[in-house]
Amino acid sequence: MISNSGGTRQSNKKYDVCLPDVFDGLQAYGQYAKDFYETNFFRHNQQILANVAKTANVYSNTFVSRPYIDYRDKSNSAGWFKRLKQIWQGQDLLIVEGALTRSGVGNDLFADAKSIKRILCPAKDSYQQIDQIEQAIRTNAENRLILLMLGPTAKVIVDDLQGLSNQMIDIGHIDSEYEWFKMGATYKVKLKNKHTAEFNFDEDISGVHDQAYQDEIVARIIGEE
């Protein structure tokens, strides 16, 4: 990972860096994922991957937040989601997400959390407001487990805020994955009332009328027009 200061970040006792589990073959993945890694990921990241290969670093699996749609065999996904949900079971959460992400709204992804607070950030170009986002996190961190769903900006935030005592997890597109899992989808279905992974234009998203969700929002960071 490239940090905000321009250096390369590796795993350590405080910081666990993840890479996709694609270096020993792509047999586990569906055709769409295989095509992406063969024609895009490996082709456009040759120098970065060559530098990674020179190190002795140990990386975790970035698919922890993508445990369903890209796998050919989806029989393990229920167990993976169950284990993921144990991370925040009984925990006070601070969710940092895009304004239209609405993670856990309309499903039971975070039903076992003790409480939830949310910081809503710009749905696009959130990095432009990173200082305000980080300050809002500091203000509301308390003793909460911090879950970030904010694209590449989340990775920089986790790096910048290592001084906090809170555990922070860049959990990416977990909500879309969970929605697809619950509906038994075999391809990436656009969700009606929230941002959907890989549907980046956020068009025709319906409003959400959920007072519990509204009550969880403790800060709104407004993007530049």
Protein backbone atom coordinates (compact mmCIF):
# COMPACT_ATOMS: atom_id res chain seq x y z
CA MET A 1 0.00 0.00 0.00
CA ILE A 2 1.15 3.56 -0.72
CA SER A 3 0.80 5.83 2.29
CA ASN A 4 -0.18 9.53 2.27
CA SER A 5 3.47 10.43 2.60
CA GLY A 6 4.33 8.53 -0.57
CA GLY A 7 6.09 5.57 1.03
CA THR A 8 5.22 1.89 0.77
CA ARG A 9 3.36 0.50 3.76
CA GLN A 10 3.84 -3.08 4.94
CA SER A 11 2.21 -5.15 7.65
CA ASN A 12 3.41 -4.73 11.22
CA LYS A 13 2.04 -5.31 14.71
CA LYS A 14 -0.38 -2.39 14.35
CA TYR A 15 -1.14 -2.54 10.66
CA ASP A 16 -2.26 -5.48 8.54
CA VAL A 17 -1.94 -4.94 4.79
CA CYS A 18 -3.97 -7.11 2.42
CA LEU A 19 -3.46 -8.23 -1.17
CA PRO A 20 -5.82 -10.24 -3.39
CA ASP A 21 -5.32 -14.00 -3.22
CA VAL A 22 -4.63 -14.37 -6.94
CA PHE A 23 -0.94 -15.17 -7.18
CA ASP A 24 -1.20 -18.97 -7.12
CA GLY A 25 -3.85 -19.15 -9.82
CA LEU A 26 -7.36 -17.94 -10.59
CA GLN A 27 -9.18 -21.27 -10.53
CA ALA A 28 -11.34 -20.26 -7.56
CA TYR A 29 -12.89 -17.28 -9.32
CA GLY A 30 -15.62 -16.71 -11.88
CA GLN A 31 -14.93 -15.59 -15.43
CA TYR A 32 -15.52 -11.88 -14.78
CA ALA A 33 -12.95 -11.83 -11.96
CA LYS A 34 -10.49 -13.94 -13.94
CA ASP A 35 -10.73 -11.57 -16.90
CA PHE A 36 -10.16 -8.55 -14.65
CA TYR A 37 -7.01 -9.96 -13.06
CA GLU A 38 -5.59 -11.32 -16.31
CA THR A 39 -6.24 -8.26 -18.49
CA ASN A 40 -6.15 -5.42 -15.97
CA PHE A 41 -4.63 -6.10 -12.56
CA PHE A 42 -1.49 -8.00 -13.56
CA ARG A 43 -0.93 -6.01 -16.74
CA HIS A 44 -1.17 -2.55 -15.17
CA ASN A 45 0.60 -3.26 -11.87
CA GLN A 46 3.71 -5.08 -13.04
CA GLN A 47 6.23 -2.76 -11.40
CA ILE A 48 4.38 -2.58 -8.07
CA LEU A 49 3.97 -6.35 -7.96
CA ALA A 50 7.64 -6.83 -8.84
CA ASN A 51 8.60 -4.64 -5.88
CA VAL A 52 6.26 -6.57 -3.59
CA ALA A 53 7.79 -9.86 -4.74
CA LYS A 54 11.24 -8.67 -3.65
CA THR A 55 10.13 -8.32 -0.04
CA ALA A 56 9.59 -10.91 2.66
CA ASN A 57 6.40 -9.24 3.85
CA VAL A 58 3.39 -11.27 4.92
CA TYR A 59 0.03 -10.05 3.63
CA SER A 60 -3.53 -10.95 4.53
CA ASN A 61 -6.27 -11.59 1.98
CA THR A 62 -8.13 -8.56 0.65
CA PHE A 63 -11.06 -10.81 -0.26
CA VAL A 64 -12.07 -10.72 3.40
CA SER A 65 -14.39 -7.93 2.24
CA ARG A 66 -15.35 -9.69 -1.00
CA PRO A 67 -16.34 -13.16 0.23
CA TYR A 68 -19.10 -13.99 -2.25
CA ILE A 69 -19.71 -12.75 -5.77
CA ASP A 70 -16.32 -13.45 -7.41
CA TYR A 71 -16.06 -17.04 -6.18
CA ARG A 72 -17.14 -19.91 -8.41
CA ASP A 73 -17.94 -22.06 -5.38
CA LYS A 74 -20.12 -19.95 -3.12
CA SER A 75 -20.78 -22.67 -0.55
CA ASN A 76 -18.23 -21.23 1.90
CA SER A 77 -19.66 -17.72 1.87
CA ALA A 78 -22.24 -18.25 4.62
CA GLY A 79 -19.51 -19.36 7.01
CA TRP A 80 -17.26 -16.49 6.03
CA PHE A 81 -20.00 -13.93 6.65
CA LYS A 82 -20.78 -15.54 9.99
CA ARG A 83 -17.16 -15.20 11.07
CA LEU A 84 -16.97 -11.62 9.81
CA LYS A 85 -20.06 -10.62 11.79
CA GLN A 86 -18.43 -11.99 14.94
CA ILE A 87 -15.83 -9.20 14.65
CA TRP A 88 -18.42 -6.55 15.49
CA GLN A 89 -20.81 -8.64 17.57
CA GLY A 90 -21.50 -6.73 20.79
CA GLN A 91 -19.25 -3.87 19.68
CA ASP A 92 -19.90 -0.14 19.49
CA LEU A 93 -19.28 0.80 15.86
CA LEU A 94 -18.28 3.95 14.05
CA ILE A 95 -19.05 3.49 10.36
CA VAL A 96 -17.32 5.88 7.96
CA GLU A 97 -18.91 5.63 4.53
CA GLY A 98 -20.04 7.44 1.42
CA ALA A 99 -23.29 9.36 1.60
CA LEU A 100 -25.09 6.72 -0.47
CA THR A 101 -23.34 3.60 0.84
CA ARG A 102 -25.88 2.94 3.61
CA SER A 103 -24.08 -0.14 4.89
CA GLY A 104 -26.35 -2.48 6.80
CA VAL A 105 -29.50 -0.54 5.93
CA GLY A 106 -32.22 -2.99 4.93
CA ASN A 107 -30.25 -6.04 6.01
CA ASP A 108 -28.92 -7.61 9.22
CA LEU A 109 -25.21 -7.18 8.53
CA PHE A 110 -24.69 -5.14 11.71
CA ALA A 111 -27.72 -6.37 13.65
CA ASP A 112 -25.55 -7.83 16.42
CA ALA A 113 -23.56 -4.64 17.01
CA LYS A 114 -24.14 -2.98 20.37
CA SER A 115 -24.54 0.48 18.83
CA ILE A 116 -23.78 2.30 15.59
CA LYS A 117 -22.65 5.82 14.80
CA ARG A 118 -22.07 6.95 11.22
CA ILE A 119 -19.99 9.59 9.52
CA LEU A 120 -21.31 10.27 6.02
CA CYS A 121 -18.71 11.42 3.51
CA PRO A 122 -18.88 12.61 -0.10
CA ALA A 123 -20.12 9.86 -2.41
CA LYS A 124 -17.26 10.66 -4.80
CA ASP A 125 -13.87 12.37 -4.55
CA SER A 126 -13.89 11.91 -0.78
CA TYR A 127 -10.12 12.36 -0.64
CA GLN A 128 -10.66 16.07 -1.26
CA GLN A 129 -12.24 16.25 2.20
CA ILE A 130 -9.85 13.92 3.99
CA ASP A 131 -8.83 16.43 6.68
CA GLN A 132 -12.44 17.01 7.70
CA ILE A 133 -13.19 13.28 7.60
CA GLU A 134 -10.23 12.45 9.81
CA GLN A 135 -11.17 15.16 12.29
CA ALA A 136 -14.73 13.81 12.47
CA ILE A 137 -13.32 10.35 13.15
CA ARG A 138 -11.13 11.67 15.97
CA THR A 139 -14.10 13.50 17.47
CA ASN A 140 -16.39 10.46 17.42
CA ALA A 141 -13.92 7.59 17.86
CA GLU A 142 -14.51 7.04 21.60
CA ASN A 143 -13.88 3.32 22.21
CA ARG A 144 -15.54 2.26 18.98
CA LEU A 145 -14.53 -0.25 16.35
CA ILE A 146 -14.13 1.87 13.21
CA LEU A 147 -15.31 0.39 9.90
CA LEU A 148 -14.47 2.29 6.74
CA MET A 149 -16.25 1.94 3.39
CA LEU A 150 -14.70 4.81 1.45
CA GLY A 151 -12.73 3.43 -1.49
CA PRO A 152 -9.02 4.27 -1.77
CA THR A 153 -9.44 7.13 0.72
CA ALA A 154 -10.09 4.59 3.48
CA LYS A 155 -6.60 3.16 3.10
CA VAL A 156 -4.99 6.56 3.55
CA ILE A 157 -7.17 7.29 6.59
CA VAL A 158 -6.18 4.04 8.28
CA ASP A 159 -2.54 4.92 7.69
CA ASP A 160 -2.93 8.50 8.91
CA LEU A 161 -4.82 7.60 12.09
CA GLN A 162 -2.63 4.80 13.39
CA GLY A 163 -2.12 6.89 16.50
CA LEU A 164 -5.69 6.20 17.61
CA SER A 165 -6.16 3.30 19.99
CA ASN A 166 -9.20 2.11 18.03
CA GLN A 167 -9.17 -0.89 15.75
CA MET A 168 -9.90 0.29 12.20
CA ILE A 169 -10.92 -1.98 9.32
CA ASP A 170 -11.21 -0.98 5.68
CA ILE A 171 -14.14 -3.29 4.94
CA GLY A 172 -14.74 -2.03 1.41
CA HIS A 173 -17.76 -3.38 -0.48
CA ILE A 174 -18.94 -5.72 2.25
CA ASP A 175 -22.52 -4.42 2.12
CA SER A 176 -22.95 -5.08 -1.61
CA GLU A 177 -21.42 -8.51 -1.16
CA TYR A 178 -23.81 -9.28 1.68
CA GLU A 179 -26.83 -8.06 -0.29
CA TRP A 180 -25.86 -10.29 -3.22
CA PHE A 181 -25.30 -13.21 -0.87
CA LYS A 182 -28.72 -12.77 0.73
CA MET A 183 -30.46 -12.72 -2.67
CA GLY A 184 -28.40 -15.62 -4.03
CA ALA A 185 -27.16 -13.50 -6.93
CA THR A 186 -24.84 -15.03 -9.51
CA TYR A 187 -23.85 -11.68 -11.02
CA LYS A 188 -23.49 -8.12 -9.73
CA VAL A 189 -27.03 -6.81 -9.33
CA LYS A 190 -27.55 -3.05 -8.98
CA LEU A 191 -29.17 -2.21 -5.64
CA LYS A 192 -32.05 0.24 -5.68
CA ASN A 193 -31.58 2.22 -2.48
CA LYS A 194 -27.81 2.37 -1.96
CA HIS A 195 -24.45 2.49 -3.69
CA THR A 196 -23.55 -0.76 -5.41
CA ALA A 197 -20.00 -2.05 -5.84
CA GLU A 198 -18.72 -1.52 -9.39
CA PHE A 199 -21.73 0.66 -10.29
CA ASN A 200 -19.80 3.86 -9.78
CA PHE A 201 -22.17 6.53 -11.08
CA ASP A 202 -24.80 6.18 -8.33
CA GLU A 203 -27.68 6.81 -10.71
CA ASP A 204 -31.37 6.36 -9.86
CA ILE A 205 -30.77 5.57 -6.19
CA SER A 206 -34.00 5.84 -4.25
CA GLY A 207 -34.26 7.61 -0.91
CA VAL A 208 -34.17 5.79 2.39
CA HIS A 209 -36.84 6.39 5.03
CA ASP A 210 -35.31 4.76 8.08
CA GLN A 211 -35.34 6.77 11.29
CA ALA A 212 -32.95 4.41 13.05
CA TYR A 213 -30.41 4.99 10.27
CA GLN A 214 -30.91 8.76 10.43
CA ASP A 215 -30.40 8.72 14.20
CA GLU A 216 -27.04 6.96 13.76
CA ILE A 217 -25.57 9.81 11.70
CA VAL A 218 -23.30 11.99 13.85
CA ALA A 219 -21.48 13.91 11.10
CA ARG A 220 -21.94 14.76 7.44
CA ILE A 221 -18.94 15.86 5.40
CA ILE A 222 -20.12 17.79 2.36
CA GLY A 223 -18.17 17.43 -0.87
CA GLU A 224 -17.24 20.21 -3.23
CA GLU A 225 -19.78 20.99 -5.93
